PDB file of N, CA and C in Angstrom:
ATOM      1  N   UNK A   1       4.429  25.009  12.978  1.00  0.00           N
ATOM      2  CA  UNK A   1       4.854  24.232  11.813  1.00  0.00           C
ATOM      3  C   UNK A   1       5.034  22.777  12.227  1.00  0.00           C
ATOM      4  N   UNK A   2       4.522  21.877  11.385  1.00  0.00           N
ATOM      5  CA  UNK A   2       4.556  20.458  11.683  1.00  0.00           C
ATOM      6  C   UNK A   2       5.949  19.888  11.432  1.00  0.00           C
ATOM      7  N   UNK A   3       6.391  19.038  12.363  1.00  0.00           N
ATOM      8  CA  UNK A   3       7.703  18.398  12.219  1.00  0.00           C
ATOM      9  C   UNK A   3       7.614  17.237  11.233  1.00  0.00           C
ATOM     10  N   UNK A   4       8.674  17.083  10.460  1.00  0.00           N
ATOM     11  CA  UNK A   4       8.763  15.992   9.499  1.00  0.00           C
ATOM     12  C   UNK A   4       9.075  14.701  10.251  1.00  0.00           C
ATOM     13  N   UNK A   5       8.437  13.606   9.874  1.00  0.00           N
ATOM     14  CA  UNK A   5       8.750  12.357  10.571  1.00  0.00           C
ATOM     15  C   UNK A   5      10.172  11.931  10.203  1.00  0.00           C
ATOM     16  N   UNK A   6      10.835  11.173  11.091  1.00  0.00           N
ATOM     17  CA  UNK A   6      12.253  10.830  10.876  1.00  0.00           C
ATOM     18  C   UNK A   6      12.530  10.099   9.568  1.00  0.00           C
ATOM     19  N   UNK A   7      11.654   9.163   9.186  1.00  0.00           N
ATOM     20  CA  UNK A   7      11.866   8.422   7.934  1.00  0.00           C
ATOM     21  C   UNK A   7      11.823   9.375   6.740  1.00  0.00           C
ATOM     22  N   UNK A   8      10.833  10.268   6.725  1.00  0.00           N
ATOM     23  CA  UNK A   8      10.697  11.241   5.636  1.00  0.00           C
ATOM     24  C   UNK A   8      11.895  12.196   5.608  1.00  0.00           C
ATOM     25  N   UNK A   9      12.370  12.586   6.776  1.00  0.00           N
ATOM     26  CA  UNK A   9      13.526  13.488   6.866  1.00  0.00           C
ATOM     27  C   UNK A   9      14.777  12.836   6.281  1.00  0.00           C
ATOM     28  N   UNK A  10      14.968  11.557   6.552  1.00  0.00           N
ATOM     29  CA  UNK A  10      16.134  10.845   6.012  1.00  0.00           C
ATOM     30  C   UNK A  10      16.033  10.735   4.493  1.00  0.00           C
ATOM     31  N   UNK A  11      14.851  10.383   3.997  1.00  0.00           N
ATOM     32  CA  UNK A  11      14.665  10.275   2.541  1.00  0.00           C
ATOM     33  C   UNK A  11      14.936  11.625   1.882  1.00  0.00           C
ATOM     34  N   UNK A  12      14.405  12.697   2.449  1.00  0.00           N
ATOM     35  CA  UNK A  12      14.624  14.027   1.877  1.00  0.00           C
ATOM     36  C   UNK A  12      16.100  14.429   1.927  1.00  0.00           C
ATOM     37  N   UNK A  13      16.792  14.081   3.010  1.00  0.00           N
ATOM     38  CA  UNK A  13      18.227  14.392   3.107  1.00  0.00           C
ATOM     39  C   UNK A  13      19.016  13.645   2.040  1.00  0.00           C
ATOM     40  N   UNK A  14      18.674  12.379   1.816  1.00  0.00           N
ATOM     41  CA  UNK A  14      19.350  11.588   0.780  1.00  0.00           C
ATOM     42  C   UNK A  14      19.074  12.170  -0.598  1.00  0.00           C
ATOM     43  N   UNK A  15      17.819  12.529  -0.866  1.00  0.00           N
ATOM     44  CA  UNK A  15      17.475  13.120  -2.166  1.00  0.00           C
ATOM     45  C   UNK A  15      18.198  14.446  -2.385  1.00  0.00           C
ATOM     46  N   UNK A  16      18.271  15.260  -1.343  1.00  0.00           N
ATOM     47  CA  UNK A  16      18.990  16.537  -1.459  1.00  0.00           C
ATOM     48  C   UNK A  16      20.472  16.307  -1.747  1.00  0.00           C
ATOM     49  N   UNK A  17      21.064  15.344  -1.065  1.00  0.00           N
ATOM     50  CA  UNK A  17      22.484  15.042  -1.283  1.00  0.00           C
ATOM     51  C   UNK A  17      22.710  14.497  -2.693  1.00  0.00           C
ATOM     52  N   UNK A  18      21.849  13.603  -3.146  1.00  0.00           N
ATOM     53  CA  UNK A  18      21.982  13.061  -4.502  1.00  0.00           C
ATOM     54  C   UNK A  18      21.803  14.150  -5.556  1.00  0.00           C
ATOM     55  N   UNK A  19      20.921  15.119  -5.277  1.00  0.00           N
ATOM     56  CA  UNK A  19      20.716  16.214  -6.229  1.00  0.00           C
ATOM     57  C   UNK A  19      22.011  17.004  -6.403  1.00  0.00           C
ATOM     58  N   UNK A  20      22.744  17.188  -5.336  1.00  0.00           N
ATOM     59  CA  UNK A  20      24.004  17.944  -5.395  1.00  0.00           C
ATOM     60  C   UNK A  20      25.133  17.087  -5.975  1.00  0.00           C
ATOM     61  N   UNK A  21      25.288  15.897  -5.441  1.00  0.00           N
ATOM     62  CA  UNK A  21      26.409  15.031  -5.834  1.00  0.00           C
ATOM     63  C   UNK A  21      26.315  14.539  -7.276  1.00  0.00           C
ATOM     64  N   UNK A  22      25.098  14.312  -7.752  1.00  0.00           N
ATOM     65  CA  UNK A  22      24.926  13.721  -9.080  1.00  0.00           C
ATOM     66  C   UNK A  22      24.396  14.736 -10.091  1.00  0.00           C
ATOM     67  N   UNK A  23      24.689  15.987  -9.852  1.00  0.00           N
ATOM     68  CA  UNK A  23      24.226  17.059 -10.725  1.00  0.00           C
ATOM     69  C   UNK A  23      24.625  16.796 -12.177  1.00  0.00           C
ATOM     70  N   UNK A  24      23.660  16.875 -13.062  1.00  0.00           N
ATOM     71  CA  UNK A  24      23.929  16.715 -14.491  1.00  0.00           C
ATOM     72  C   UNK A  24      24.053  15.285 -14.969  1.00  0.00           C
ATOM     73  N   UNK A  25      23.872  14.301 -14.082  1.00  0.00           N
ATOM     74  CA  UNK A  25      24.028  12.907 -14.487  1.00  0.00           C
ATOM     75  C   UNK A  25      22.702  12.224 -14.816  1.00  0.00           C
ATOM     76  N   UNK A  26      21.589  12.938 -14.650  1.00  0.00           N
ATOM     77  CA  UNK A  26      20.300  12.415 -15.083  1.00  0.00           C
ATOM     78  C   UNK A  26      19.582  11.505 -14.108  1.00  0.00           C
ATOM     79  N   UNK A  27      19.939  11.539 -12.828  1.00  0.00           N
ATOM     80  CA  UNK A  27      19.294  10.657 -11.861  1.00  0.00           C
ATOM     81  C   UNK A  27      18.140  11.319 -11.108  1.00  0.00           C
ATOM     82  N   UNK A  28      18.086  12.627 -11.083  1.00  0.00           N
ATOM     83  CA  UNK A  28      17.112  13.339 -10.254  1.00  0.00           C
ATOM     84  C   UNK A  28      15.679  12.935 -10.575  1.00  0.00           C
ATOM     85  N   UNK A  29      15.310  12.918 -11.833  1.00  0.00           N
ATOM     86  CA  UNK A  29      13.941  12.589 -12.211  1.00  0.00           C
ATOM     87  C   UNK A  29      13.559  11.199 -11.708  1.00  0.00           C
ATOM     88  N   UNK A  30      14.434  10.234 -11.898  1.00  0.00           N
ATOM     89  CA  UNK A  30      14.137   8.867 -11.486  1.00  0.00           C
ATOM     90  C   UNK A  30      14.052   8.751  -9.967  1.00  0.00           C
ATOM     91  N   UNK A  31      14.876   9.507  -9.251  1.00  0.00           N
ATOM     92  CA  UNK A  31      14.779   9.545  -7.786  1.00  0.00           C
ATOM     93  C   UNK A  31      13.414  10.079  -7.352  1.00  0.00           C
ATOM     94  N   UNK A  32      12.958  11.139  -8.004  1.00  0.00           N
ATOM     95  CA  UNK A  32      11.670  11.740  -7.646  1.00  0.00           C
ATOM     96  C   UNK A  32      10.510  10.805  -7.965  1.00  0.00           C
ATOM     97  N   UNK A  33      10.569  10.118  -9.089  1.00  0.00           N
ATOM     98  CA  UNK A  33       9.499   9.184  -9.450  1.00  0.00           C
ATOM     99  C   UNK A  33       9.511   7.987  -8.501  1.00  0.00           C
ATOM    100  N   UNK A  34      10.692   7.444  -8.238  1.00  0.00           N
ATOM    101  CA  UNK A  34      10.804   6.268  -7.372  1.00  0.00           C
ATOM    102  C   UNK A  34      10.283   6.541  -5.962  1.00  0.00           C
ATOM    103  N   UNK A  35      10.502   7.741  -5.446  1.00  0.00           N
ATOM    104  CA  UNK A  35      10.056   8.091  -4.097  1.00  0.00           C
ATOM    105  C   UNK A  35       8.686   8.767  -4.095  1.00  0.00           C
ATOM    106  N   UNK A  36       8.069   8.877  -5.276  1.00  0.00           N
ATOM    107  CA  UNK A  36       6.739   9.464  -5.440  1.00  0.00           C
ATOM    108  C   UNK A  36       6.687  10.930  -4.991  1.00  0.00           C
ATOM    109  N   UNK A  37       7.770  11.663  -5.247  1.00  0.00           N
ATOM    110  CA  UNK A  37       7.840  13.070  -4.879  1.00  0.00           C
ATOM    111  C   UNK A  37       7.845  13.999  -6.090  1.00  0.00           C
ATOM    112  N   UNK A  38       7.687  13.436  -7.274  1.00  0.00           N
ATOM    113  CA  UNK A  38       7.772  14.251  -8.485  1.00  0.00           C
ATOM    114  C   UNK A  38       6.692  15.317  -8.541  1.00  0.00           C
ATOM    115  N   UNK A  39       5.476  15.031  -8.071  1.00  0.00           N
ATOM    116  CA  UNK A  39       4.385  16.000  -8.143  1.00  0.00           C
ATOM    117  C   UNK A  39       4.706  17.224  -7.284  1.00  0.00           C
ATOM    118  N   UNK A  40       5.044  17.012  -6.028  1.00  0.00           N
ATOM    119  CA  UNK A  40       5.294  18.150  -5.138  1.00  0.00           C
ATOM    120  C   UNK A  40       6.547  18.930  -5.536  1.00  0.00           C
ATOM    121  N   UNK A  41       7.619  18.231  -5.870  1.00  0.00           N
ATOM    122  CA  UNK A  41       8.874  18.910  -6.212  1.00  0.00           C
ATOM    123  C   UNK A  41       8.759  19.676  -7.527  1.00  0.00           C
ATOM    124  N   UNK A  42       8.241  19.020  -8.552  1.00  0.00           N
ATOM    125  CA  UNK A  42       8.173  19.665  -9.860  1.00  0.00           C
ATOM    126  C   UNK A  42       7.134  20.779  -9.899  1.00  0.00           C
ATOM    127  N   UNK A  43       5.979  20.574  -9.271  1.00  0.00           N
ATOM    128  CA  UNK A  43       4.968  21.629  -9.254  1.00  0.00           C
ATOM    129  C   UNK A  43       5.465  22.842  -8.476  1.00  0.00           C
ATOM    130  N   UNK A  44       6.172  22.608  -7.378  1.00  0.00           N
ATOM    131  CA  UNK A  44       6.749  23.714  -6.625  1.00  0.00           C
ATOM    132  C   UNK A  44       7.755  24.476  -7.484  1.00  0.00           C
ATOM    133  N   UNK A  45       8.578  23.757  -8.236  1.00  0.00           N
ATOM    134  CA  UNK A  45       9.543  24.398  -9.126  1.00  0.00           C
ATOM    135  C   UNK A  45       8.838  25.238 -10.183  1.00  0.00           C
ATOM    136  N   UNK A  46       7.838  24.668 -10.835  1.00  0.00           N
ATOM    137  CA  UNK A  46       7.114  25.403 -11.877  1.00  0.00           C
ATOM    138  C   UNK A  46       6.447  26.655 -11.318  1.00  0.00           C
ATOM    139  N   UNK A  47       5.813  26.540 -10.168  1.00  0.00           N
ATOM    140  CA  UNK A  47       5.061  27.662  -9.618  1.00  0.00           C
ATOM    141  C   UNK A  47       5.968  28.752  -9.058  1.00  0.00           C
ATOM    142  N   UNK A  48       7.034  28.371  -8.372  1.00  0.00           N
ATOM    143  CA  UNK A  48       7.873  29.380  -7.728  1.00  0.00           C
ATOM    144  C   UNK A  48       8.976  29.923  -8.628  1.00  0.00           C
ATOM    145  N   UNK A  49       9.401  29.154  -9.600  1.00  0.00           N
ATOM    146  CA  UNK A  49      10.495  29.624 -10.449  1.00  0.00           C
ATOM    147  C   UNK A  49      10.001  30.004 -11.838  1.00  0.00           C
ATOM    148  N   UNK A  50       9.472  29.055 -12.570  1.00  0.00           N
ATOM    149  CA  UNK A  50       9.043  29.308 -13.945  1.00  0.00           C
ATOM    150  C   UNK A  50       7.890  30.319 -13.968  1.00  0.00           C
ATOM    151  N   UNK A  51       6.844  30.065 -13.186  1.00  0.00           N
ATOM    152  CA  UNK A  51       5.678  30.937 -13.178  1.00  0.00           C
ATOM    153  C   UNK A  51       5.960  32.325 -12.639  1.00  0.00           C
ATOM    154  N   UNK A  52       6.831  32.419 -11.641  1.00  0.00           N
ATOM    155  CA  UNK A  52       7.119  33.702 -11.005  1.00  0.00           C
ATOM    156  C   UNK A  52       8.118  34.539 -11.791  1.00  0.00           C
ATOM    157  N   UNK A  53       8.965  33.916 -12.589  1.00  0.00           N
ATOM    158  CA  UNK A  53      10.052  34.646 -13.239  1.00  0.00           C
ATOM    159  C   UNK A  53       9.961  34.691 -14.763  1.00  0.00           C
ATOM    160  N   UNK A  54       8.874  34.147 -15.325  1.00  0.00           N
ATOM    161  CA  UNK A  54       8.767  34.162 -16.785  1.00  0.00           C
ATOM    162  C   UNK A  54       7.295  34.141 -17.205  1.00  0.00           C
ATOM    163  N   UNK A  55       7.089  34.268 -18.486  1.00  0.00           N
ATOM    164  CA  UNK A  55       5.743  34.190 -19.051  1.00  0.00           C
ATOM    165  C   UNK A  55       5.483  32.825 -19.681  1.00  0.00           C
ATOM    166  N   UNK A  56       6.376  31.879 -19.480  1.00  0.00           N
ATOM    167  CA  UNK A  56       6.222  30.559 -20.081  1.00  0.00           C
ATOM    168  C   UNK A  56       4.985  29.851 -19.540  1.00  0.00           C
ATOM    169  N   UNK A  57       4.304  29.153 -20.420  1.00  0.00           N
ATOM    170  CA  UNK A  57       3.158  28.360 -19.991  1.00  0.00           C
ATOM    171  C   UNK A  57       3.654  26.983 -19.573  1.00  0.00           C
ATOM    172  N   UNK A  58       3.025  26.429 -18.587  1.00  0.00           N
ATOM    173  CA  UNK A  58       3.424  25.112 -18.094  1.00  0.00           C
ATOM    174  C   UNK A  58       2.195  24.380 -17.585  1.00  0.00           C
ATOM    175  N   UNK A  59       2.290  23.080 -17.541  1.00  0.00           N
ATOM    176  CA  UNK A  59       1.233  22.231 -16.989  1.00  0.00           C
ATOM    177  C   UNK A  59       1.763  21.581 -15.730  1.00  0.00           C
ATOM    178  N   UNK A  60       0.986  21.650 -14.670  1.00  0.00           N
ATOM    179  CA  UNK A  60       1.390  21.007 -13.428  1.00  0.00           C
ATOM    180  C   UNK A  60       1.205  19.500 -13.530  1.00  0.00           C
ATOM    181  N   UNK A  61       2.006  18.758 -12.764  1.00  0.00           N
ATOM    182  CA  UNK A  61       1.900  17.302 -12.740  1.00  0.00           C
ATOM    183  C   UNK A  61       0.751  16.874 -11.837  1.00  0.00           C
ATOM    184  N   UNK A  62       0.175  15.723 -12.162  1.00  0.00           N
ATOM    185  CA  UNK A  62      -0.830  15.077 -11.324  1.00  0.00           C
ATOM    186  C   UNK A  62      -0.266  13.718 -10.928  1.00  0.00           C
ATOM    187  N   UNK A  63      -0.821  13.143  -9.891  1.00  0.00           N
ATOM    188  CA  UNK A  63      -0.343  11.847  -9.421  1.00  0.00           C
ATOM    189  C   UNK A  63      -0.501  10.762 -10.478  1.00  0.00           C
ATOM    190  N   UNK A  64      -1.518  10.868 -11.326  1.00  0.00           N
ATOM    191  CA  UNK A  64      -1.771   9.842 -12.347  1.00  0.00           C
ATOM    192  C   UNK A  64      -1.309  10.290 -13.736  1.00  0.00           C
ATOM    193  N   UNK A  65      -0.343  11.157 -13.788  1.00  0.00           N
ATOM    194  CA  UNK A  65       0.101  11.771 -15.034  1.00  0.00           C
ATOM    195  C   UNK A  65       0.871  10.781 -15.908  1.00  0.00           C
ATOM    196  N   UNK A  66       0.477  10.668 -17.179  1.00  0.00           N
ATOM    197  CA  UNK A  66       1.162   9.741 -18.083  1.00  0.00           C
ATOM    198  C   UNK A  66       2.526  10.267 -18.518  1.00  0.00           C
ATOM    199  N   UNK A  67       2.822  11.561 -18.276  1.00  0.00           N
ATOM    200  CA  UNK A  67       4.119  12.113 -18.666  1.00  0.00           C
ATOM    201  C   UNK A  67       5.256  11.613 -17.775  1.00  0.00           C
ATOM    202  N   UNK A  68       4.927  10.940 -16.701  1.00  0.00           N
ATOM    203  CA  UNK A  68       5.936  10.496 -15.742  1.00  0.00           C
ATOM    204  C   UNK A  68       6.819   9.402 -16.327  1.00  0.00           C
ATOM    205  N   UNK A  69       6.221   8.502 -17.074  1.00  0.00           N
ATOM    206  CA  UNK A  69       6.946   7.353 -17.596  1.00  0.00           C
ATOM    207  C   UNK A  69       7.218   7.508 -19.081  1.00  0.00           C
ATOM    208  N   UNK A  70       8.369   7.058 -19.495  1.00  0.00           N
ATOM    209  CA  UNK A  70       8.761   7.149 -20.885  1.00  0.00           C
ATOM    210  C   UNK A  70       8.093   6.038 -21.701  1.00  0.00           C
ATOM    211  N   UNK A  71       7.944   6.248 -23.007  1.00  0.00           N
ATOM    212  CA  UNK A  71       7.362   5.185 -23.835  1.00  0.00           C
ATOM    213  C   UNK A  71       8.344   4.027 -24.011  1.00  0.00           C
ATOM    214  N   UNK A  72       7.789   2.873 -24.315  1.00  0.00           N
ATOM    215  CA  UNK A  72       8.607   1.696 -24.627  1.00  0.00           C
ATOM    216  C   UNK A  72       8.853   1.717 -26.134  1.00  0.00           C
ATOM    217  N   UNK A  73      10.091   1.492 -26.539  1.00  0.00           N
ATOM    218  CA  UNK A  73      10.423   1.492 -27.957  1.00  0.00           C
ATOM    219  C   UNK A  73       9.591   0.467 -28.713  1.00  0.00           C
ATOM    220  N   UNK A  74       9.184   0.823 -29.926  1.00  0.00           N
ATOM    221  CA  UNK A  74       8.356  -0.063 -30.743  1.00  0.00           C
ATOM    222  C   UNK A  74       9.050  -1.392 -31.007  1.00  0.00           C
ATOM    223  N   UNK A  75      10.354  -1.348 -31.223  1.00  0.00           N
ATOM    224  CA  UNK A  75      11.086  -2.593 -31.490  1.00  0.00           C
ATOM    225  C   UNK A  75      11.035  -3.530 -30.277  1.00  0.00           C
ATOM    226  N   UNK A  76      11.064  -2.974 -29.072  1.00  0.00           N
ATOM    227  CA  UNK A  76      10.961  -3.796 -27.871  1.00  0.00           C
ATOM    228  C   UNK A  76       9.572  -4.414 -27.760  1.00  0.00           C
ATOM    229  N   UNK A  77       8.549  -3.636 -28.118  1.00  0.00           N
ATOM    230  CA  UNK A  77       7.178  -4.161 -28.094  1.00  0.00           C
ATOM    231  C   UNK A  77       7.004  -5.290 -29.093  1.00  0.00           C
ATOM    232  N   UNK A  78       7.620  -5.140 -30.272  1.00  0.00           N
ATOM    233  CA  UNK A  78       7.528  -6.185 -31.300  1.00  0.00           C
ATOM    234  C   UNK A  78       8.288  -7.439 -30.891  1.00  0.00           C
ATOM    235  N   UNK A  79       9.418  -7.257 -30.200  1.00  0.00           N
ATOM    236  CA  UNK A  79      10.236  -8.398 -29.777  1.00  0.00           C
ATOM    237  C   UNK A  79       9.627  -9.166 -28.610  1.00  0.00           C
ATOM    238  N   UNK A  80       8.841  -8.490 -27.769  1.00  0.00           N
ATOM    239  CA  UNK A  80       8.299  -9.118 -26.576  1.00  0.00           C
ATOM    240  C   UNK A  80       6.809  -8.829 -26.469  1.00  0.00           C
ATOM    241  N   UNK A  81       5.984  -9.800 -26.748  1.00  0.00           N
ATOM    242  CA  UNK A  81       4.535  -9.609 -26.746  1.00  0.00           C
ATOM    243  C   UNK A  81       3.966  -9.441 -25.334  1.00  0.00           C
ATOM    244  N   UNK A  82       4.776  -9.674 -24.304  1.00  0.00           N
ATOM    245  CA  UNK A  82       4.319  -9.493 -22.926  1.00  0.00           C
ATOM    246  C   UNK A  82       4.360  -8.027 -22.496  1.00  0.00           C
ATOM    247  N   UNK A  83       5.067  -7.201 -23.246  1.00  0.00           N
ATOM    248  CA  UNK A  83       5.152  -5.781 -22.901  1.00  0.00           C
ATOM    249  C   UNK A  83       3.900  -5.037 -23.354  1.00  0.00           C
ATOM    250  N   UNK A  84       3.497  -4.063 -22.559  1.00  0.00           N
ATOM    251  CA  UNK A  84       2.351  -3.223 -22.884  1.00  0.00           C
ATOM    252  C   UNK A  84       2.837  -1.775 -22.905  1.00  0.00           C
ATOM    253  N   UNK A  85       2.472  -1.057 -23.952  1.00  0.00           N
ATOM    254  CA  UNK A  85       2.926   0.331 -24.097  1.00  0.00           C
ATOM    255  C   UNK A  85       2.443   1.180 -22.920  1.00  0.00           C
ATOM    256  N   UNK A  86       3.294   2.092 -22.507  1.00  0.00           N
ATOM    257  CA  UNK A  86       2.979   3.022 -21.445  1.00  0.00           C
ATOM    258  C   UNK A  86       1.767   3.857 -21.824  1.00  0.00           C
ATOM    259  N   UNK A  87       0.855   4.075 -20.889  1.00  0.00           N
ATOM    260  CA  UNK A  87      -0.329   4.901 -21.156  1.00  0.00           C
ATOM    261  C   UNK A  87       0.066   6.263 -21.686  1.00  0.00           C
ATOM    262  N   UNK A  88      -0.696   6.759 -22.634  1.00  0.00           N
ATOM    263  CA  UNK A  88      -0.458   8.082 -23.172  1.00  0.00           C
ATOM    264  C   UNK A  88       0.410   8.117 -24.427  1.00  0.00           C
ATOM    265  N   UNK A  89       0.957   6.968 -24.828  1.00  0.00           N
ATOM    266  CA  UNK A  89       1.821   6.922 -26.008  1.00  0.00           C
ATOM    267  C   UNK A  89       1.239   6.020 -27.067  1.00  0.00           C
TER     268      UNK A  89
END
């Protein structure tokens, strides 16, 4: 089994700690997107938990997935012509 590099190990330890400490506060998704780990973490969750324990249908994430980012409110787009709507919305 390949050893995790020290930088990656520290990032993963911080993410694991934040997942526990900030449970229910809504930061996990943003942590995963910011560190570019949403694909591996979420796909692993869907495949090992949702897929293995239920009949629910799900779509796996891709690196270029437009579902990652939320849409910009229409009022914000109207107020600021420099903003461009998030792809997929």
